[in-house]
Protein backbone atom coordinates (compact mmCIF):
# COMPACT_ATOMS: atom_id res chain seq x y z
CA UNK A 1 -169.60 205.92 17.73
CA UNK A 2 -173.13 205.63 17.84
CA UNK A 3 -174.93 207.35 15.63
CA UNK A 4 -177.43 208.98 17.52
CA UNK A 5 -179.56 210.27 14.53
CA UNK A 6 -180.13 206.29 13.97
CA UNK A 7 -181.39 205.69 17.51
CA UNK A 8 -183.39 208.07 17.82
CA UNK A 9 -185.27 207.08 14.50
CA UNK A 10 -185.17 203.47 15.83
CA UNK A 11 -186.27 204.21 19.35
CA UNK A 12 -189.41 206.58 18.38
CA UNK A 13 -190.92 204.07 15.72
CA UNK A 14 -192.54 201.85 18.08
CA UNK A 15 -193.56 204.59 20.34
CA UNK A 16 -195.48 206.10 17.05
CA UNK A 17 -196.90 202.90 17.28
CA UNK A 18 -198.18 203.31 20.69
CA UNK A 19 -199.16 206.74 20.62
CA UNK A 20 -200.93 205.73 17.24
CA UNK A 21 -203.05 202.42 18.36
CA UNK A 22 -203.78 204.62 21.64
CA UNK A 23 -205.13 207.49 19.76
CA UNK A 24 -207.18 205.31 17.30
CA UNK A 25 -208.57 203.32 20.40
CA UNK A 26 -209.48 206.38 22.16
CA UNK A 27 -211.70 207.48 19.01
CA UNK A 28 -213.37 204.27 18.22
CA UNK A 29 -216.57 204.38 19.23
CA UNK A 30 -216.62 200.65 20.71
CA UNK A 31 -214.26 201.39 22.72
CA UNK A 32 -215.22 201.11 26.28
CA UNK A 33 -215.66 204.73 28.19
CA UNK A 34 -213.82 202.84 31.03
CA UNK A 35 -211.19 202.24 29.13
CA UNK A 36 -210.46 206.10 28.51
CA UNK A 37 -208.57 207.04 31.50
CA UNK A 38 -205.74 203.95 31.18
CA UNK A 39 -205.43 205.44 27.47
CA UNK A 40 -204.63 208.67 28.83
CA UNK A 41 -201.80 207.11 30.95
CA UNK A 42 -200.82 205.00 27.80
CA UNK A 43 -200.71 208.19 25.67
CA UNK A 44 -199.07 210.48 28.06
CA UNK A 45 -196.16 207.64 28.65
CA UNK A 46 -195.71 207.38 25.19
CA UNK A 47 -195.57 211.54 25.47
CA UNK A 48 -192.94 211.14 28.03
CA UNK A 49 -190.94 208.44 26.22
CA UNK A 50 -190.21 211.20 23.34
CA UNK A 51 -188.94 213.59 26.09
CA UNK A 52 -186.49 211.07 27.36
CA UNK A 53 -185.59 210.36 23.98
CA UNK A 54 -185.01 214.06 23.46
CA UNK A 55 -183.24 214.56 26.64
CA UNK A 56 -180.85 211.55 27.00
CA UNK A 57 -179.88 211.43 23.06
CA UNK A 58 -178.99 214.47 22.70
CA UNK A 59 -175.54 214.80 20.55
CA UNK A 60 -174.21 217.20 23.48
CA UNK A 61 -175.26 215.49 26.14
CA UNK A 62 -175.36 211.70 25.93
CA UNK A 63 -171.74 210.96 27.03
CA UNK A 64 -171.71 212.78 30.01
CA UNK A 65 -175.33 210.92 31.12
CA UNK A 66 -174.47 207.47 29.66
CA UNK A 67 -171.78 207.21 32.87
CA UNK A 68 -174.86 207.09 35.34
CA UNK A 69 -176.19 204.13 33.43
CA UNK A 70 -178.44 202.59 35.97
CA UNK A 71 -180.08 205.86 36.62
CA UNK A 72 -180.31 205.91 32.46
CA UNK A 73 -181.87 203.06 31.77
CA UNK A 74 -184.22 203.25 35.09
CA UNK A 75 -185.39 206.46 34.10
CA UNK A 76 -185.98 205.17 30.24
CA UNK A 77 -187.55 201.84 31.36
CA UNK A 78 -190.24 203.39 33.77
CA UNK A 79 -192.50 205.02 31.10
CA UNK A 80 -192.51 201.81 29.14
CA UNK A 81 -193.23 199.50 31.72
CA UNK A 82 -195.94 201.62 32.46
CA UNK A 83 -197.41 201.24 29.07
CA UNK A 84 -196.71 197.65 29.07
CA UNK A 85 -198.51 197.52 32.69
CA UNK A 86 -201.93 199.48 31.52
CA UNK A 87 -201.90 197.46 28.06
CA UNK A 88 -202.05 194.17 29.75
CA UNK A 89 -204.54 195.54 32.31
CA UNK A 90 -207.00 196.85 29.32
CA UNK A 91 -206.20 193.41 27.41
CA UNK A 92 -207.75 191.48 30.57
CA UNK A 93 -210.55 193.81 31.23
CA UNK A 94 -211.05 193.39 27.20
CA UNK A 95 -211.50 189.74 27.26
CA UNK A 96 -213.96 189.88 30.61
CA UNK A 97 -216.21 192.18 29.04
CA UNK A 98 -215.68 190.49 25.51
CA UNK A 99 -214.57 193.51 23.91
CA UNK A 100 -212.57 191.05 21.38
CA UNK A 101 -212.44 194.06 18.81
CA UNK A 102 -210.10 196.45 20.75
CA UNK A 103 -207.72 193.47 21.85
CA UNK A 104 -205.53 193.49 18.39
CA UNK A 105 -204.68 197.20 18.84
CA UNK A 106 -204.11 196.62 22.93
CA UNK A 107 -201.82 193.90 21.83
CA UNK A 108 -200.14 196.12 19.39
CA UNK A 109 -199.53 198.29 21.98
CA UNK A 110 -197.62 195.84 24.36
CA UNK A 111 -195.83 194.53 21.78
CA UNK A 112 -194.26 197.98 20.56
CA UNK A 113 -193.48 198.53 24.22
CA UNK A 114 -191.35 195.27 24.58
CA UNK A 115 -190.05 196.25 21.19
CA UNK A 116 -188.70 199.57 22.29
CA UNK A 117 -187.20 197.71 25.72
CA UNK A 118 -185.31 195.35 23.52
CA UNK A 119 -183.82 198.52 21.24
CA UNK A 120 -182.90 200.68 24.04
CA UNK A 121 -181.15 197.29 25.37
CA UNK A 122 -179.42 196.90 21.91
CA UNK A 123 -177.96 200.53 21.82
CA UNK A 124 -177.23 200.81 25.18
CA UNK A 125 -175.99 197.89 27.23
CA UNK A 126 -172.07 196.46 26.65
CA UNK A 127 -171.76 193.44 25.16
CA UNK A 128 -170.41 190.54 26.94
CA UNK A 129 -166.59 191.19 27.42
CA UNK A 130 -167.05 195.05 27.08
CA UNK A 131 -167.24 196.11 30.76
CA UNK A 132 -168.41 195.57 33.97
CA UNK A 133 -171.48 198.13 33.35
CA UNK A 134 -173.37 195.11 32.21
CA UNK A 135 -174.54 194.34 36.09
CA UNK A 136 -176.46 197.67 36.59
CA UNK A 137 -178.64 197.25 33.09
CA UNK A 138 -178.89 193.58 34.69
CA UNK A 139 -180.11 194.89 38.09
CA UNK A 140 -182.56 197.11 35.99
CA UNK A 141 -184.01 194.24 33.81
CA UNK A 142 -186.46 193.09 36.16
CA UNK A 143 -190.47 192.33 35.10
CA UNK A 144 -192.89 195.10 34.45
CA UNK A 145 -194.27 197.23 37.33
CA UNK A 146 -196.82 196.06 39.37
CA UNK A 147 -200.39 196.86 39.50
CA UNK A 148 -200.05 199.06 42.57
CA UNK A 149 -196.94 201.00 41.07
CA UNK A 150 -198.88 201.54 37.52
CA UNK A 151 -202.19 203.07 39.19
CA UNK A 152 -199.64 205.57 40.95
CA UNK A 153 -199.73 207.42 37.82
CA UNK A 154 -201.90 210.24 37.54
CA UNK A 155 -204.01 210.53 34.51
CA UNK A 156 -203.38 213.30 32.05
CA UNK A 157 -205.80 215.82 30.92
CA UNK A 158 -206.15 215.74 27.14
CA UNK A 159 -209.52 217.72 26.86
CA UNK A 160 -209.01 219.14 23.21
CA UNK A 161 -205.20 217.59 23.00
CA UNK A 162 -204.32 215.27 20.04
CA UNK A 163 -205.43 212.47 22.67
CA UNK A 164 -209.38 213.35 22.19
CA UNK A 165 -211.67 212.05 19.77
CA UNK A 166 -211.64 213.31 16.26
CA UNK A 167 -214.44 215.34 14.72
CA UNK A 168 -216.36 213.26 12.32
CA UNK A 169 -214.81 212.31 8.92
CA UNK A 170 -215.65 214.92 6.34
CA UNK A 171 -212.65 214.56 3.83
CA UNK A 172 -212.14 212.42 0.84
CA UNK A 173 -209.47 211.80 -1.53
CA UNK A 174 -207.18 208.86 -2.84
CA UNK A 175 -204.13 208.80 -0.83
CA UNK A 176 -200.90 206.55 -1.01
CA UNK A 177 -199.05 205.51 2.20
CA UNK A 178 -195.52 204.50 1.53
CA UNK A 179 -193.71 202.77 4.66
CA UNK A 180 -191.99 199.64 4.81
CA UNK A 181 -192.69 199.53 8.71
CA UNK A 182 -196.39 197.33 8.38
CA UNK A 183 -197.40 199.04 11.83
CA UNK A 184 -196.67 202.62 10.50
CA UNK A 185 -198.77 201.25 7.07
CA UNK A 186 -201.70 199.73 9.31
CA UNK A 187 -202.07 202.61 11.78
CA UNK A 188 -201.79 205.39 9.11
CA UNK A 189 -204.22 203.78 6.76
CA UNK A 190 -206.97 203.00 9.62
CA UNK A 191 -206.76 206.27 10.93
CA UNK A 192 -207.34 207.92 7.63
CA UNK A 193 -209.97 205.35 6.63
CA UNK A 194 -211.59 206.61 9.11
CA UNK A 195 -211.60 210.13 8.10
CA UNK A 196 -212.85 209.06 4.81
CA UNK A 197 -210.16 208.40 2.54
CA UNK A 198 -209.31 205.65 0.12
CA UNK A 199 -206.04 204.29 1.11
CA UNK A 200 -203.83 201.98 -0.58
CA UNK A 201 -200.36 201.20 0.80
CA UNK A 202 -197.15 200.61 -0.35
CA UNK A 203 -194.17 198.82 1.76
CA UNK A 204 -190.89 199.92 -0.47
CA UNK A 205 -190.25 202.44 -3.06
CA UNK A 206 -190.04 200.70 -5.80
CA UNK A 207 -193.58 199.46 -5.22
CA UNK A 208 -194.89 202.93 -4.54
CA UNK A 209 -193.23 203.93 -7.83
CA UNK A 210 -195.17 201.31 -9.75
CA UNK A 211 -198.36 202.38 -8.01
CA UNK A 212 -198.16 205.69 -9.09
CA UNK A 213 -197.86 204.94 -12.72
CA UNK A 214 -200.77 203.00 -12.96
CA UNK A 215 -203.11 204.82 -10.65
CA UNK A 216 -204.41 208.10 -9.66
CA UNK A 217 -203.59 209.23 -6.14
CA UNK A 218 -204.15 212.87 -4.59
CA UNK A 219 -201.44 212.77 -2.17
CA UNK A 220 -198.44 210.72 -1.30
CA UNK A 221 -197.26 209.68 2.70
CA UNK A 222 -193.78 209.06 1.90
CA UNK A 223 -191.42 207.50 5.12
CA UNK A 224 -187.91 209.16 4.61
CA UNK A 225 -186.06 205.69 5.84
CA UNK A 226 -186.69 202.86 3.90
CA UNK A 227 -184.40 199.91 2.77
CA UNK A 228 -183.33 200.32 -1.36
CA UNK A 229 -185.43 202.98 -2.53
CA UNK A 230 -185.45 205.56 0.39
CA UNK A 231 -187.72 208.49 0.65
CA UNK A 232 -185.52 210.76 -0.60
CA UNK A 233 -184.58 208.66 -4.58
CA UNK A 234 -188.87 208.15 -4.42
CA UNK A 235 -189.85 211.90 -3.79
CA UNK A 236 -186.53 212.59 -6.40
CA UNK A 237 -188.20 210.34 -9.02
CA UNK A 238 -191.79 211.55 -8.43
CA UNK A 239 -190.95 215.46 -8.71
CA UNK A 240 -188.47 214.73 -11.63
CA UNK A 241 -191.31 212.68 -13.76
CA UNK A 242 -193.81 215.39 -15.29
CA UNK A 243 -196.74 212.92 -14.83
CA UNK A 244 -196.43 212.80 -11.52
CA UNK A 245 -194.43 216.31 -10.65
CA UNK A 246 -197.52 218.07 -9.64
CA UNK A 247 -198.49 215.17 -7.25
CA UNK A 248 -198.19 216.60 -3.40
CA UNK A 249 -195.79 214.44 -1.02
CA UNK A 250 -195.72 214.88 2.54
CA UNK A 251 -192.52 213.29 4.06
CA UNK A 252 -192.98 211.14 7.08
CA UNK A 253 -190.15 210.47 9.49
CA UNK A 254 -188.80 209.56 13.07
CA UNK A 255 -185.73 211.67 12.19
CA UNK A 256 -185.31 215.08 14.00
CA UNK A 257 -182.36 216.56 11.65
CA UNK A 258 -182.71 219.90 10.28
CA UNK A 259 -180.76 219.14 7.20
CA UNK A 260 -183.11 215.99 6.40
CA UNK A 261 -186.26 218.24 6.06
CA UNK A 262 -184.27 220.90 4.09
CA UNK A 263 -183.58 218.70 2.03
CA UNK A 264 -186.96 217.15 1.52
CA UNK A 265 -188.37 220.81 0.96
CA UNK A 266 -185.50 221.29 -1.82
CA UNK A 267 -186.74 218.04 -3.79
CA UNK A 268 -189.93 219.39 -3.61
CA UNK A 269 -192.00 217.97 -0.90
CA UNK A 270 -194.90 220.05 0.23
CA UNK A 271 -194.39 219.26 3.84
CA UNK A 272 -192.64 217.24 6.61
CA UNK A 273 -194.45 215.80 9.38
CA UNK A 274 -192.26 214.20 12.54
CA UNK A 275 -193.72 210.95 13.85
CA UNK A 276 -195.29 209.91 16.09
CA UNK A 277 -198.30 212.01 14.83
CA UNK A 278 -200.43 214.28 15.81
CA UNK A 279 -203.70 213.39 14.79
CA UNK A 280 -205.00 216.77 14.48
CA UNK A 281 -202.10 218.33 12.90
CA UNK A 282 -202.17 215.20 10.65
CA UNK A 283 -205.52 216.04 9.22
CA UNK A 284 -204.60 219.88 8.84
CA UNK A 285 -201.48 219.30 6.50
CA UNK A 286 -203.19 217.10 4.90
CA UNK A 287 -206.38 218.95 4.42
CA UNK A 288 -203.88 222.43 3.06
CA UNK A 289 -202.00 219.61 0.67
CA UNK A 290 -205.01 218.24 -0.66
CA UNK A 291 -206.65 222.08 -0.83
CA UNK A 292 -203.64 223.00 -2.87
CA UNK A 293 -203.97 220.04 -5.26
CA UNK A 294 -207.57 221.06 -5.93
CA UNK A 295 -206.89 224.32 -6.77
CA UNK A 296 -203.97 223.76 -8.97
CA UNK A 297 -206.19 220.84 -10.70
CA UNK A 298 -208.95 223.73 -10.87
CA UNK A 299 -206.17 226.06 -12.58
CA UNK A 300 -204.99 223.44 -15.00
CA UNK A 301 -208.72 222.51 -15.94
CA UNK A 302 -209.43 226.15 -16.53
CA UNK A 303 -205.69 226.83 -18.02
CA UNK A 304 -206.57 223.66 -20.41
CA UNK A 305 -210.28 225.17 -21.29
CA UNK A 306 -208.53 228.50 -21.80
CA UNK A 307 -206.12 226.66 -24.50
CA UNK A 308 -209.14 225.08 -25.70
CA UNK A 309 -211.17 228.40 -25.80
CA UNK A 310 -208.13 229.85 -27.61
CA UNK A 311 -207.48 226.91 -29.83
CA UNK A 312 -211.08 227.23 -31.25
CA UNK A 313 -211.33 231.31 -31.44
CA UNK A 314 -207.96 230.88 -33.14
CA UNK A 315 -209.57 228.36 -35.80
CA UNK A 316 -212.46 230.89 -35.98
CA UNK A 317 -210.63 233.76 -36.62
CA UNK A 318 -208.50 231.75 -39.34
CA UNK A 319 -211.64 231.18 -40.88
CA UNK A 320 -212.80 234.46 -41.04
CA UNK A 321 -209.06 235.78 -42.12
CA UNK A 322 -209.92 233.16 -44.66
CA UNK A 323 -213.22 234.61 -45.38
CA UNK A 324 -211.69 237.73 -45.75
CA UNK A 325 -208.96 237.15 -48.20
CA UNK A 326 -211.60 235.12 -50.38
CA UNK A 327 -213.26 238.54 -50.93
CA UNK A 328 -209.85 240.20 -52.28
CA UNK A 329 -209.59 239.95 -55.65
CA UNK A 330 -207.85 237.74 -58.34
CA UNK A 331 -204.95 239.39 -59.92
CA UNK A 332 -205.64 240.34 -63.14
CA UNK A 333 -204.01 240.75 -66.78
CA UNK A 334 -204.96 242.31 -69.72
CA UNK A 335 -204.91 246.31 -70.65
CA UNK A 336 -204.74 246.82 -66.86
CA UNK A 337 -202.55 244.21 -64.80
CA UNK A 338 -203.16 243.96 -61.33
CA UNK A 339 -201.62 242.16 -58.06
CA UNK A 340 -201.13 242.79 -54.65
CA UNK A 341 -200.16 241.85 -51.56
CA UNK A 342 -201.81 241.97 -47.90
CA UNK A 343 -200.99 241.23 -44.71
CA UNK A 344 -202.68 241.96 -41.53
CA UNK A 345 -201.00 243.01 -38.77
CA UNK A 346 -203.10 240.82 -36.14
CA UNK A 347 -205.13 237.79 -37.39
CA UNK A 348 -207.67 240.04 -38.82
CA UNK A 349 -206.70 243.46 -39.98
CA UNK A 350 -209.25 246.87 -40.86
CA UNK A 351 -207.67 246.85 -44.75
CA UNK A 352 -209.76 245.84 -47.36
CA UNK A 353 -209.73 246.77 -51.48
CA UNK A 354 -211.11 245.55 -54.69
CA UNK A 355 -211.10 246.59 -57.92
CA UNK A 356 -213.23 245.37 -61.32
CA UNK A 357 -214.15 246.19 -64.84
CA UNK A 358 -217.47 248.29 -64.77
CA UNK A 359 -217.65 247.60 -68.69
CA UNK A 360 -215.71 247.47 -71.33
CA UNK A 361 -214.46 251.00 -70.72
CA UNK A 362 -214.43 251.86 -67.09
CA UNK A 363 -212.04 250.14 -64.23
CA UNK A 364 -213.11 251.08 -60.87
CA UNK A 365 -210.30 250.38 -57.84
CA UNK A 366 -210.37 251.32 -53.97
CA UNK A 367 -208.83 250.81 -51.12
CA UNK A 368 -210.11 251.22 -47.14
CA UNK A 369 -208.57 251.44 -43.95
CA UNK A 370 -210.83 251.05 -40.56
CA UNK A 371 -209.05 252.35 -37.71
CA UNK A 372 -208.17 249.53 -35.10
CA UNK A 373 -207.09 246.33 -35.73
CA UNK A 374 -208.78 242.81 -34.93
CA UNK A 375 -212.47 241.58 -35.05
CA UNK A 376 -214.13 244.76 -34.89
CA UNK A 377 -212.23 246.71 -37.30
CA UNK A 378 -212.50 243.61 -39.78
CA UNK A 379 -216.52 243.08 -39.61
CA UNK A 380 -216.59 247.00 -40.59
CA UNK A 381 -213.93 246.72 -43.68
CA UNK A 382 -215.66 243.65 -44.43
CA UNK A 383 -219.28 245.65 -44.70
CA UNK A 384 -218.01 248.40 -46.37
CA UNK A 385 -216.36 246.18 -49.03
CA UNK A 386 -219.52 244.11 -49.41
CA UNK A 387 -221.35 247.46 -50.37
CA UNK A 388 -218.91 248.48 -52.92
CA UNK A 389 -218.62 245.00 -54.20
CA UNK A 390 -222.00 244.47 -54.70
CA UNK A 391 -222.89 248.55 -55.35
CA UNK A 392 -226.01 248.57 -53.08
CA UNK A 393 -225.60 252.36 -51.94
CA UNK A 394 -229.38 253.44 -53.27
CA UNK A 395 -229.25 256.42 -55.93
CA UNK A 396 -225.47 256.83 -55.91
CA UNK A 397 -223.99 256.68 -59.39
CA UNK A 398 -220.32 254.21 -58.72
CA UNK A 399 -218.38 256.17 -61.40
CA UNK A 400 -218.37 259.31 -59.28
CA UNK A 401 -216.04 259.18 -56.70
CA UNK A 402 -217.09 261.57 -54.80
CA UNK A 403 -220.76 260.64 -54.91
CA UNK A 404 -219.62 257.11 -53.37
CA UNK A 405 -217.57 258.84 -50.60
CA UNK A 406 -220.42 261.36 -49.72
CA UNK A 407 -222.57 258.09 -49.43
CA UNK A 408 -220.51 255.72 -47.39
CA UNK A 409 -219.91 258.72 -45.19
CA UNK A 410 -223.56 258.87 -44.26
CA UNK A 411 -224.39 254.82 -44.44
CA UNK A 412 -221.40 254.48 -41.77
CA UNK A 413 -221.52 257.58 -38.86
CA UNK A 414 -218.64 256.68 -36.67
CA UNK A 415 -221.56 256.51 -33.77
CA UNK A 416 -223.23 253.72 -35.19
CA UNK A 417 -220.06 251.59 -35.62
CA UNK A 418 -218.29 251.57 -32.17
CA UNK A 419 -216.91 254.96 -32.79
CA UNK A 420 -214.51 253.73 -35.77
CA UNK A 421 -214.22 255.36 -39.09
CA UNK A 422 -212.36 254.42 -42.18
CA UNK A 423 -210.26 255.92 -44.63
CA UNK A 424 -210.89 255.58 -48.06
CA UNK A 425 -209.50 256.12 -51.83
CA UNK A 426 -211.66 255.24 -54.45
CA UNK A 427 -210.52 255.98 -58.19
CA UNK A 428 -212.29 255.27 -61.87
CA UNK A 429 -210.45 254.93 -65.05
CA UNK A 430 -211.33 255.42 -68.64
CA UNK A 431 -209.68 253.27 -70.65
CA UNK A 432 -210.19 255.32 -73.78
CA UNK A 433 -209.73 258.49 -72.55
CA UNK A 434 -206.95 257.47 -70.40
CA UNK A 435 -208.58 259.98 -67.76
CA UNK A 436 -208.34 259.10 -63.88
CA UNK A 437 -210.96 260.40 -61.61
CA UNK A 438 -210.28 260.18 -57.73
CA UNK A 439 -211.28 261.05 -54.50
CA UNK A 440 -209.53 259.97 -50.98
CA UNK A 441 -211.40 260.72 -47.30
CA UNK A 442 -208.28 260.72 -44.92
CA UNK A 443 -206.24 258.22 -47.08
CA UNK A 444 -202.46 258.13 -48.14
CA UNK A 445 -201.98 259.41 -51.56
CA UNK A 446 -201.81 257.12 -54.51
CA UNK A 447 -198.39 257.05 -56.05
CA UNK A 448 -198.58 257.51 -60.19
CA UNK A 449 -195.51 256.38 -61.40
CA UNK A 450 -194.68 257.46 -65.06
CA UNK A 451 -192.09 255.50 -67.15
CA UNK A 452 -192.54 252.59 -64.21
CA UNK A 453 -190.06 250.44 -66.75
CA UNK A 454 -187.47 253.64 -66.84
CA UNK A 455 -184.61 254.10 -64.49
CA UNK A 456 -185.89 258.30 -64.83
CA UNK A 457 -189.71 257.03 -63.53
CA UNK A 458 -191.02 259.67 -61.72
CA UNK A 459 -193.89 259.89 -59.04
CA UNK A 460 -197.23 261.91 -58.67
CA UNK A 461 -198.91 261.71 -55.46
CA UNK A 462 -202.86 261.81 -56.06
CA UNK A 463 -204.99 262.71 -53.30
CA UNK A 464 -208.13 264.74 -52.43
CA UNK A 465 -208.37 267.03 -49.18
CA UNK A 466 -211.46 265.36 -48.05
CA UNK A 467 -212.09 264.15 -44.37
CA UNK A 468 -212.20 260.25 -43.54
CA UNK A 469 -215.19 258.30 -43.51
CA UNK A 470 -217.91 258.61 -40.82
CA UNK A 471 -216.37 261.57 -38.73
CA UNK A 472 -218.25 264.46 -40.06
CA UNK A 473 -222.03 264.04 -41.15
CA UNK A 474 -222.43 266.93 -42.91
CA UNK A 475 -218.87 266.71 -44.65
CA UNK A 476 -218.39 267.12 -48.61
CA UNK A 477 -216.81 265.48 -50.61
CA UNK A 478 -214.81 266.73 -53.96
CA UNK A 479 -213.44 264.62 -56.94
CA UNK A 480 -210.09 265.31 -58.77
CA UNK A 481 -208.58 263.85 -62.17
CA UNK A 482 -205.48 263.10 -64.32
CA UNK A 483 -204.00 261.68 -67.09
CA UNK A 484 -202.53 258.09 -66.94
CA UNK A 485 -199.78 257.87 -69.69
CA UNK A 486 -199.41 254.56 -71.26
CA UNK A 487 -196.89 252.21 -69.48
CA UNK A 488 -197.55 253.74 -66.24
CA UNK A 489 -198.29 252.14 -62.90
CA UNK A 490 -200.63 253.12 -59.93
CA UNK A 491 -199.58 252.10 -56.46
CA UNK A 492 -202.08 251.81 -54.06
CA UNK A 493 -201.65 251.70 -50.24
CA UNK A 494 -202.69 251.50 -46.52
CA UNK A 495 -200.23 253.75 -44.19
CA UNK A 496 -198.87 250.55 -42.88
CA UNK A 497 -196.78 250.36 -45.87
CA UNK A 498 -194.77 253.23 -44.79
CA UNK A 499 -195.50 254.50 -41.52
CA UNK A 500 -192.62 251.33 -39.96
CA UNK A 501 -190.30 251.56 -36.96
CA UNK A 502 -186.87 250.82 -37.64
CA UNK A 503 -184.09 249.86 -35.77
CA UNK A 504 -183.11 253.26 -34.51
CA UNK A 505 -186.58 254.19 -33.57
CA UNK A 506 -187.46 256.63 -36.70
CA UNK A 507 -190.05 255.87 -38.79
CA UNK A 508 -189.49 255.26 -42.09
CA UNK A 509 -192.53 257.56 -43.53
CA UNK A 510 -194.28 258.35 -47.06
CA UNK A 511 -191.39 260.29 -48.00
CA UNK A 512 -188.36 257.56 -47.95
CA UNK A 513 -191.20 254.92 -49.17
CA UNK A 514 -191.93 257.40 -52.23
CA UNK A 515 -187.93 257.57 -52.45
CA UNK A 516 -188.01 253.87 -52.75
CA UNK A 517 -190.22 253.50 -55.29
CA UNK A 518 -188.39 256.03 -57.65
CA UNK A 519 -185.18 254.74 -56.96
CA UNK A 520 -185.97 250.92 -57.26
CA UNK A 521 -184.91 248.65 -59.99
CA UNK A 522 -187.82 248.38 -62.67
CA UNK A 523 -188.64 244.86 -61.78
CA UNK A 524 -189.19 245.90 -57.76
CA UNK A 525 -190.84 249.37 -58.40
CA UNK A 526 -194.52 247.64 -59.17
CA UNK A 527 -193.98 244.67 -57.26
CA UNK A 528 -195.91 244.55 -54.24
CA UNK A 529 -194.53 241.62 -52.41
CA UNK A 530 -191.18 243.00 -52.41
CA UNK A 531 -192.37 245.93 -51.28
CA UNK A 532 -193.32 244.02 -48.65
CA UNK A 533 -190.23 242.48 -48.16
CA UNK A 534 -188.23 246.23 -47.91
CA UNK A 535 -190.18 246.45 -44.70
CA UNK A 536 -189.89 243.21 -43.38
CA UNK A 537 -186.27 243.98 -43.41
CA UNK A 538 -186.58 247.64 -41.98
CA UNK A 539 -188.57 245.58 -38.95
CA UNK A 540 -185.76 242.91 -38.50
CA UNK A 541 -188.04 240.32 -38.85
CA UNK A 542 -190.46 241.90 -35.96
CA UNK A 543 -194.26 241.59 -36.12
CA UNK A 544 -196.21 244.24 -38.26
CA UNK A 545 -197.05 247.04 -36.50
CA UNK A 546 -200.47 247.71 -38.81
CA UNK A 547 -201.99 245.93 -41.41
CA UNK A 548 -199.90 246.12 -44.95
CA UNK A 549 -202.06 246.32 -47.76
CA UNK A 550 -200.43 247.34 -51.19
CA UNK A 551 -202.35 247.10 -54.82
CA UNK A 552 -200.37 247.41 -57.53
CA UNK A 553 -201.72 248.48 -61.15
CA UNK A 554 -199.85 248.33 -64.55
CA UNK A 555 -201.32 249.70 -67.49
CA UNK A 556 -200.66 248.98 -71.10
CA UNK A 557 -197.84 250.85 -73.03
CA UNK A 558 -199.93 251.16 -76.29
């Protein structure tokens, strides 16, 4: 049984050569203008052959039409005889005019037409001993039409059609043409070079893959039917290779089966063009694929630039975070043992804290929390912390907590800080009197933990009813005080320690945190890292919603 799909493919290949070389001659400025009418007829003959193939080699009608072999052969041979006749006539004229540059393409046209005749006869003529139908073909096996018969074909109007001259080449790019047919490679390569492209060619799939791995291309024009690795296999390997997957591929074939087209698209082809090519359509499809590739390349460069920018930003943020951490005090031991745990919710947080011995008698400590997170909050918190560390507020007694809060409120109004405010807890401990003076502005209370090493410990929240810093320019701030028993502890923290979302959607809360401190083992009650571990468990390991800052002070038992 005849494979009509293969027959259509094989018969269209030489037609592709005929039409392709004809169009290149029509587009070539060196072609004599007197040749244009005959070239139009050759082009029309090629198109007529395509129509005849589509009509006669159709699966549904071929067998019934084949019964009238004489008529079939005549209708198939007529257009190709016209092509051969016109081609030979133009070759004679080119020799007379000494236009030798056009002779090779005219010879290719006539040779392709003769190849087509041979293919047609091979597929349709019964072999010897297969039947008497041979005589019908033998009667039609006559020389090409005479000049008188040829000139009876009217010229075809081609204004604005594919047969007209192509516009001046304005496109660019590096293209790889892959086709086992040398004439196909030659025609397509020459046409694309005229349009401004750089062209490389490969005669088989293996050679194509070697070129693709050794050089850079902007687009591949890939024939579907090739010996060895066919177009499907080459396409599959291209799209499965991470280094080549984004390279656009246009499939080329004289096959007309929809399932072949679908298969190409499913394998990742960017487009499919049937042979013979409409030159305007070919140019447009190549241009569209190259435009998409250039867009992808720009997106990739933009993405890489974004990644690099993010990398630099992350490095700078990490450096900034390290700087902020370097400003935090080191753990201390002695009459007061101080340790802390600090985990910002973002790379930079808005919390800051500090403590130091002002002299042999007074120990100052504080913790502040700027609203929000990120760079802006971190910059403001560092500015405030540096003021407190250097004690640079003019006329302020840093042993008077309410005076410190009032001065900070005046120095950092929120309208001059991008509408950011902050809370603060500030305390001064006198080791001789064991008195603690403190003031807080909008900040969570400090937990005074009595009998910290006992299972019967009690907790006293320490806070004052002062507003947050920066909100009210005329605000007044009050100081409070209490005694700190020997062996007691203080927990100074931000709201990120207890405003923690649990898996059920509820908030852990300040009261629950106080219960945790009160009921924990002595080894945990004043251990900041254990408190963070508890928060981490409550959130099932999810990222922090707010900065976690906790300072633990443990006072000597004597």
